[in-house]
PDB file of N, CA and C in Angstrom:
ATOM      1  N   UNK A   1       5.792 -36.362  12.547  1.00  0.00           N
ATOM      2  CA  UNK A   1       6.742 -35.005  11.961  1.00  0.00           C
ATOM      3  C   UNK A   1       7.515 -34.503  12.971  1.00  0.00           C
ATOM      4  N   UNK A   2       8.577 -33.914  12.700  1.00  0.00           N
ATOM      5  CA  UNK A   2       9.437 -33.581  13.848  1.00  0.00           C
ATOM      6  C   UNK A   2       8.757 -32.346  14.337  1.00  0.00           C
ATOM      7  N   UNK A   3       9.354 -31.937  15.502  1.00  0.00           N
ATOM      8  CA  UNK A   3       9.026 -30.681  16.195  1.00  0.00           C
ATOM      9  C   UNK A   3       9.259 -29.512  15.415  1.00  0.00           C
ATOM     10  N   UNK A   4      10.334 -29.389  14.701  1.00  0.00           N
ATOM     11  CA  UNK A   4      10.957 -28.117  13.850  1.00  0.00           C
ATOM     12  C   UNK A   4      10.032 -28.043  12.750  1.00  0.00           C
ATOM     13  N   UNK A   5       9.438 -29.027  12.053  1.00  0.00           N
ATOM     14  CA  UNK A   5       8.745 -29.083  10.989  1.00  0.00           C
ATOM     15  C   UNK A   5       7.277 -28.595  11.449  1.00  0.00           C
ATOM     16  N   UNK A   6       6.776 -28.922  12.526  1.00  0.00           N
ATOM     17  CA  UNK A   6       5.602 -28.352  12.898  1.00  0.00           C
ATOM     18  C   UNK A   6       5.659 -27.048  13.285  1.00  0.00           C
ATOM     19  N   UNK A   7       6.597 -26.498  13.916  1.00  0.00           N
ATOM     20  CA  UNK A   7       6.961 -25.192  14.553  1.00  0.00           C
ATOM     21  C   UNK A   7       6.878 -24.325  12.923  1.00  0.00           C
ATOM     22  N   UNK A   8       7.658 -24.899  12.075  1.00  0.00           N
ATOM     23  CA  UNK A   8       7.789 -24.147  10.941  1.00  0.00           C
ATOM     24  C   UNK A   8       6.436 -23.905  10.078  1.00  0.00           C
ATOM     25  N   UNK A   9       5.533 -25.090  10.066  1.00  0.00           N
ATOM     26  CA  UNK A   9       4.249 -24.988   9.562  1.00  0.00           C
ATOM     27  C   UNK A   9       3.249 -24.109  10.300  1.00  0.00           C
ATOM     28  N   UNK A  10       3.402 -24.249  11.416  1.00  0.00           N
ATOM     29  CA  UNK A  10       2.532 -22.870  12.371  1.00  0.00           C
ATOM     30  C   UNK A  10       3.122 -21.634  12.044  1.00  0.00           C
ATOM     31  N   UNK A  11       4.292 -21.321  11.961  1.00  0.00           N
ATOM     32  CA  UNK A  11       4.686 -20.011  11.476  1.00  0.00           C
ATOM     33  C   UNK A  11       4.317 -19.667   9.959  1.00  0.00           C
ATOM     34  N   UNK A  12       4.319 -20.555   9.182  1.00  0.00           N
ATOM     35  CA  UNK A  12       3.803 -20.279   7.742  1.00  0.00           C
ATOM     36  C   UNK A  12       2.150 -19.952   7.862  1.00  0.00           C
ATOM     37  N   UNK A  13       1.441 -20.757   8.721  1.00  0.00           N
ATOM     38  CA  UNK A  13      -0.041 -20.371   8.783  1.00  0.00           C
ATOM     39  C   UNK A  13      -0.046 -19.061   9.201  1.00  0.00           C
ATOM     40  N   UNK A  14       0.546 -18.650  10.297  1.00  0.00           N
ATOM     41  CA  UNK A  14       0.448 -17.267  10.926  1.00  0.00           C
ATOM     42  C   UNK A  14       0.737 -16.181   9.787  1.00  0.00           C
ATOM     43  N   UNK A  15       1.717 -16.463   9.082  1.00  0.00           N
ATOM     44  CA  UNK A  15       2.394 -15.584   7.936  1.00  0.00           C
ATOM     45  C   UNK A  15       1.037 -15.390   6.929  1.00  0.00           C
ATOM     46  N   UNK A  16       0.484 -16.583   6.382  1.00  0.00           N
ATOM     47  CA  UNK A  16      -0.431 -16.762   5.406  1.00  0.00           C
ATOM     48  C   UNK A  16      -1.764 -15.806   5.829  1.00  0.00           C
ATOM     49  N   UNK A  17      -2.174 -16.326   7.158  1.00  0.00           N
ATOM     50  CA  UNK A  17      -3.204 -15.565   7.617  1.00  0.00           C
ATOM     51  C   UNK A  17      -3.061 -14.110   7.560  1.00  0.00           C
ATOM     52  N   UNK A  18      -2.117 -13.522   8.073  1.00  0.00           N
ATOM     53  CA  UNK A  18      -1.703 -12.181   8.294  1.00  0.00           C
ATOM     54  C   UNK A  18      -1.706 -11.643   6.848  1.00  0.00           C
ATOM     55  N   UNK A  19      -1.234 -12.337   5.689  1.00  0.00           N
ATOM     56  CA  UNK A  19      -1.123 -11.808   4.399  1.00  0.00           C
ATOM     57  C   UNK A  19      -2.508 -11.836   3.758  1.00  0.00           C
ATOM     58  N   UNK A  20      -3.354 -12.554   3.966  1.00  0.00           N
ATOM     59  CA  UNK A  20      -4.641 -12.653   3.367  1.00  0.00           C
ATOM     60  C   UNK A  20      -5.470 -11.347   4.197  1.00  0.00           C
ATOM     61  N   UNK A  21      -5.211 -11.298   5.586  1.00  0.00           N
ATOM     62  CA  UNK A  21      -5.922 -10.492   6.178  1.00  0.00           C
ATOM     63  C   UNK A  21      -5.631  -8.816   5.775  1.00  0.00           C
ATOM     64  N   UNK A  22      -4.229  -8.571   5.391  1.00  0.00           N
ATOM     65  CA  UNK A  22      -3.657  -7.458   4.734  1.00  0.00           C
ATOM     66  C   UNK A  22      -4.247  -7.054   3.592  1.00  0.00           C
ATOM     67  N   UNK A  23      -4.641  -8.189   2.709  1.00  0.00           N
ATOM     68  CA  UNK A  23      -5.144  -7.866   1.252  1.00  0.00           C
ATOM     69  C   UNK A  23      -6.529  -7.459   1.455  1.00  0.00           C
ATOM     70  N   UNK A  24      -7.323  -8.247   2.530  1.00  0.00           N
ATOM     71  CA  UNK A  24      -8.759  -7.760   2.945  1.00  0.00           C
ATOM     72  C   UNK A  24      -8.880  -6.469   3.412  1.00  0.00           C
ATOM     73  N   UNK A  25      -7.994  -6.053   4.018  1.00  0.00           N
ATOM     74  CA  UNK A  25      -7.920  -4.679   4.771  1.00  0.00           C
ATOM     75  C   UNK A  25      -8.133  -3.573   3.767  1.00  0.00           C
ATOM     76  N   UNK A  26      -6.904  -3.922   2.966  1.00  0.00           N
ATOM     77  CA  UNK A  26      -6.703  -2.830   1.604  1.00  0.00           C
ATOM     78  C   UNK A  26      -7.993  -2.937   0.848  1.00  0.00           C
ATOM     79  N   UNK A  27      -8.612  -4.074   0.443  1.00  0.00           N
ATOM     80  CA  UNK A  27      -9.848  -4.094  -0.422  1.00  0.00           C
ATOM     81  C   UNK A  27     -10.878  -3.286   0.308  1.00  0.00           C
ATOM     82  N   UNK A  28     -10.978  -3.407   1.611  1.00  0.00           N
ATOM     83  CA  UNK A  28     -12.020  -2.779   2.153  1.00  0.00           C
ATOM     84  C   UNK A  28     -11.718  -1.309   2.589  1.00  0.00           C
ATOM     85  N   UNK A  29     -10.740  -0.886   2.307  1.00  0.00           N
ATOM     86  CA  UNK A  29     -10.283   0.593   2.368  1.00  0.00           C
ATOM     87  C   UNK A  29      -9.864   0.977   3.820  1.00  0.00           C
ATOM     88  N   UNK A  30      -9.374  -0.145   4.548  1.00  0.00           N
ATOM     89  CA  UNK A  30      -8.967   0.134   5.719  1.00  0.00           C
ATOM     90  C   UNK A  30      -7.424   0.051   5.906  1.00  0.00           C
ATOM     91  N   UNK A  31      -6.969   0.911   6.759  1.00  0.00           N
ATOM     92  CA  UNK A  31      -5.286   0.754   6.750  1.00  0.00           C
ATOM     93  C   UNK A  31      -4.974  -0.636   7.275  1.00  0.00           C
ATOM     94  N   UNK A  32      -4.015  -1.353   6.171  1.00  0.00           N
ATOM     95  CA  UNK A  32      -3.586  -2.631   6.381  1.00  0.00           C
ATOM     96  C   UNK A  32      -2.900  -2.975   7.942  1.00  0.00           C
ATOM     97  N   UNK A  33      -3.105  -3.941   8.422  1.00  0.00           N
ATOM     98  CA  UNK A  33      -2.400  -4.291   9.788  1.00  0.00           C
ATOM     99  C   UNK A  33      -0.970  -4.639   9.544  1.00  0.00           C
ATOM    100  N   UNK A  34      -0.450  -4.600  10.664  1.00  0.00           N
ATOM    101  CA  UNK A  34       1.379  -4.697  10.184  1.00  0.00           C
ATOM    102  C   UNK A  34       1.488  -6.011   9.849  1.00  0.00           C
ATOM    103  N   UNK A  35       2.606  -6.036   9.060  1.00  0.00           N
ATOM    104  CA  UNK A  35       3.025  -7.378   8.423  1.00  0.00           C
ATOM    105  C   UNK A  35       3.432  -8.335   9.612  1.00  0.00           C
ATOM    106  N   UNK A  36       3.328  -9.509   9.400  1.00  0.00           N
ATOM    107  CA  UNK A  36       3.718 -10.654  10.503  1.00  0.00           C
ATOM    108  C   UNK A  36       5.136 -10.649  10.508  1.00  0.00           C
ATOM    109  N   UNK A  37       5.743 -10.397  11.486  1.00  0.00           N
ATOM    110  CA  UNK A  37       7.092 -10.631  11.798  1.00  0.00           C
ATOM    111  C   UNK A  37       7.462 -11.770  12.763  1.00  0.00           C
ATOM    112  N   UNK A  38       8.415 -12.694  12.123  1.00  0.00           N
ATOM    113  CA  UNK A  38       8.783 -13.866  12.840  1.00  0.00           C
ATOM    114  C   UNK A  38       9.467 -13.391  14.222  1.00  0.00           C
ATOM    115  N   UNK A  39       9.171 -14.092  15.248  1.00  0.00           N
ATOM    116  CA  UNK A  39       9.822 -13.717  16.527  1.00  0.00           C
ATOM    117  C   UNK A  39      11.382 -14.050  16.161  1.00  0.00           C
ATOM    118  N   UNK A  40      12.198 -13.208  16.728  1.00  0.00           N
ATOM    119  CA  UNK A  40      13.674 -13.523  16.421  1.00  0.00           C
ATOM    120  C   UNK A  40      14.193 -14.598  17.326  1.00  0.00           C
ATOM    121  N   UNK A  41      14.755 -15.631  16.940  1.00  0.00           N
ATOM    122  CA  UNK A  41      15.521 -16.543  17.808  1.00  0.00           C
ATOM    123  C   UNK A  41      17.040 -16.754  17.202  1.00  0.00           C
ATOM    124  N   UNK A  42      17.854 -16.100  18.144  1.00  0.00           N
ATOM    125  CA  UNK A  42      19.336 -16.097  17.799  1.00  0.00           C
ATOM    126  C   UNK A  42      19.876 -17.578  17.508  1.00  0.00           C
ATOM    127  N   UNK A  43      20.733 -17.669  16.573  1.00  0.00           N
ATOM    128  CA  UNK A  43      21.288 -18.933  16.259  1.00  0.00           C
ATOM    129  C   UNK A  43      22.155 -19.328  17.544  1.00  0.00           C
ATOM    130  N   UNK A  44      22.087 -20.736  17.643  1.00  0.00           N
ATOM    131  CA  UNK A  44      22.791 -21.266  18.780  1.00  0.00           C
ATOM    132  C   UNK A  44      24.257 -21.678  18.398  1.00  0.00           C
ATOM    133  N   UNK A  45      25.199 -20.984  19.033  1.00  0.00           N
ATOM    134  CA  UNK A  45      26.658 -21.344  18.764  1.00  0.00           C
ATOM    135  C   UNK A  45      26.794 -22.741  18.928  1.00  0.00           C
ATOM    136  N   UNK A  46      27.775 -23.492  18.160  1.00  0.00           N
ATOM    137  CA  UNK A  46      28.183 -24.886  18.519  1.00  0.00           C
ATOM    138  C   UNK A  46      28.737 -25.227  19.902  1.00  0.00           C
ATOM    139  N   UNK A  47      29.426 -24.021  20.254  1.00  0.00           N
ATOM    140  CA  UNK A  47      29.995 -24.197  21.751  1.00  0.00           C
ATOM    141  C   UNK A  47      28.979 -24.242  22.545  1.00  0.00           C
ATOM    142  N   UNK A  48      28.032 -23.411  22.542  1.00  0.00           N
ATOM    143  CA  UNK A  48      26.872 -23.299  23.561  1.00  0.00           C
ATOM    144  C   UNK A  48      26.003 -24.679  23.364  1.00  0.00           C
ATOM    145  N   UNK A  49      25.670 -25.130  22.173  1.00  0.00           N
ATOM    146  CA  UNK A  49      24.969 -26.317  22.122  1.00  0.00           C
ATOM    147  C   UNK A  49      25.810 -27.497  22.775  1.00  0.00           C
ATOM    148  N   UNK A  50      27.035 -27.496  22.466  1.00  0.00           N
ATOM    149  CA  UNK A  50      27.928 -28.658  23.207  1.00  0.00           C
ATOM    150  C   UNK A  50      27.834 -28.623  24.608  1.00  0.00           C
ATOM    151  N   UNK A  51      27.803 -27.575  25.166  1.00  0.00           N
ATOM    152  CA  UNK A  51      27.697 -27.080  26.539  1.00  0.00           C
ATOM    153  C   UNK A  51      26.290 -27.857  27.201  1.00  0.00           C
ATOM    154  N   UNK A  52      25.184 -27.382  26.313  1.00  0.00           N
ATOM    155  CA  UNK A  52      23.956 -27.824  26.789  1.00  0.00           C
ATOM    156  C   UNK A  52      23.854 -29.202  26.547  1.00  0.00           C
ATOM    157  N   UNK A  53      24.326 -29.903  25.613  1.00  0.00           N
ATOM    158  CA  UNK A  53      24.256 -31.207  25.468  1.00  0.00           C
ATOM    159  C   UNK A  53      25.043 -32.062  26.475  1.00  0.00           C
ATOM    160  N   UNK A  54      26.069 -31.527  26.844  1.00  0.00           N
ATOM    161  CA  UNK A  54      26.996 -32.170  27.746  1.00  0.00           C
ATOM    162  C   UNK A  54      26.507 -32.100  29.275  1.00  0.00           C
ATOM    163  N   UNK A  55      25.700 -31.118  29.413  1.00  0.00           N
ATOM    164  CA  UNK A  55      24.929 -30.850  30.653  1.00  0.00           C
ATOM    165  C   UNK A  55      23.705 -31.815  30.800  1.00  0.00           C
ATOM    166  N   UNK A  56      22.968 -31.823  29.864  1.00  0.00           N
ATOM    167  CA  UNK A  56      21.979 -32.831  29.631  1.00  0.00           C
ATOM    168  C   UNK A  56      22.202 -34.398  29.820  1.00  0.00           C
ATOM    169  N   UNK A  57      23.225 -34.605  29.129  1.00  0.00           N
ATOM    170  CA  UNK A  57      23.925 -36.122  29.096  1.00  0.00           C
ATOM    171  C   UNK A  57      24.345 -36.379  30.661  1.00  0.00           C
ATOM    172  N   UNK A  58      24.975 -35.307  31.160  1.00  0.00           N
ATOM    173  CA  UNK A  58      25.416 -35.614  32.638  1.00  0.00           C
ATOM    174  C   UNK A  58      24.390 -35.848  33.664  1.00  0.00           C
ATOM    175  N   UNK A  59      23.236 -34.856  33.462  1.00  0.00           N
ATOM    176  CA  UNK A  59      22.154 -34.931  34.316  1.00  0.00           C
ATOM    177  C   UNK A  59      21.219 -36.218  34.009  1.00  0.00           C
ATOM    178  N   UNK A  60      21.332 -36.604  32.659  1.00  0.00           N
ATOM    179  CA  UNK A  60      20.657 -38.045  32.338  1.00  0.00           C
ATOM    180  C   UNK A  60      21.342 -39.220  32.942  1.00  0.00           C
ATOM    181  N   UNK A  61      22.607 -39.218  32.931  1.00  0.00           N
ATOM    182  CA  UNK A  61      23.222 -40.194  33.451  1.00  0.00           C
ATOM    183  C   UNK A  61      23.199 -40.432  34.921  1.00  0.00           C
ATOM    184  N   UNK A  62      23.078 -39.242  35.646  1.00  0.00           N
ATOM    185  CA  UNK A  62      23.064 -39.354  37.107  1.00  0.00           C
ATOM    186  C   UNK A  62      21.657 -39.881  37.557  1.00  0.00           C
ATOM    187  N   UNK A  63      20.734 -39.653  36.772  1.00  0.00           N
ATOM    188  CA  UNK A  63      19.468 -40.343  37.344  1.00  0.00           C
ATOM    189  C   UNK A  63      19.259 -41.825  37.326  1.00  0.00           C
ATOM    190  N   UNK A  64      20.071 -42.512  36.700  1.00  0.00           N
ATOM    191  CA  UNK A  64      19.885 -43.893  36.574  1.00  0.00           C
ATOM    192  C   UNK A  64      20.532 -44.624  37.883  1.00  0.00           C
TER     193      UNK A  64
END
């Protein structure tokens, strides 16, 4: 499985656990815990991705 798939699966598990916990808190008469909010990851611009890829490729080629 790809890293991104595994990461998404972990995020889903955290969300599901939190949602079930909120329901249990409500049933037990306890103030529900805060909702699970995904950590914000700003999208990478194509220009920045290109710079990072070029730098990585340059560094990789210098090791040989």
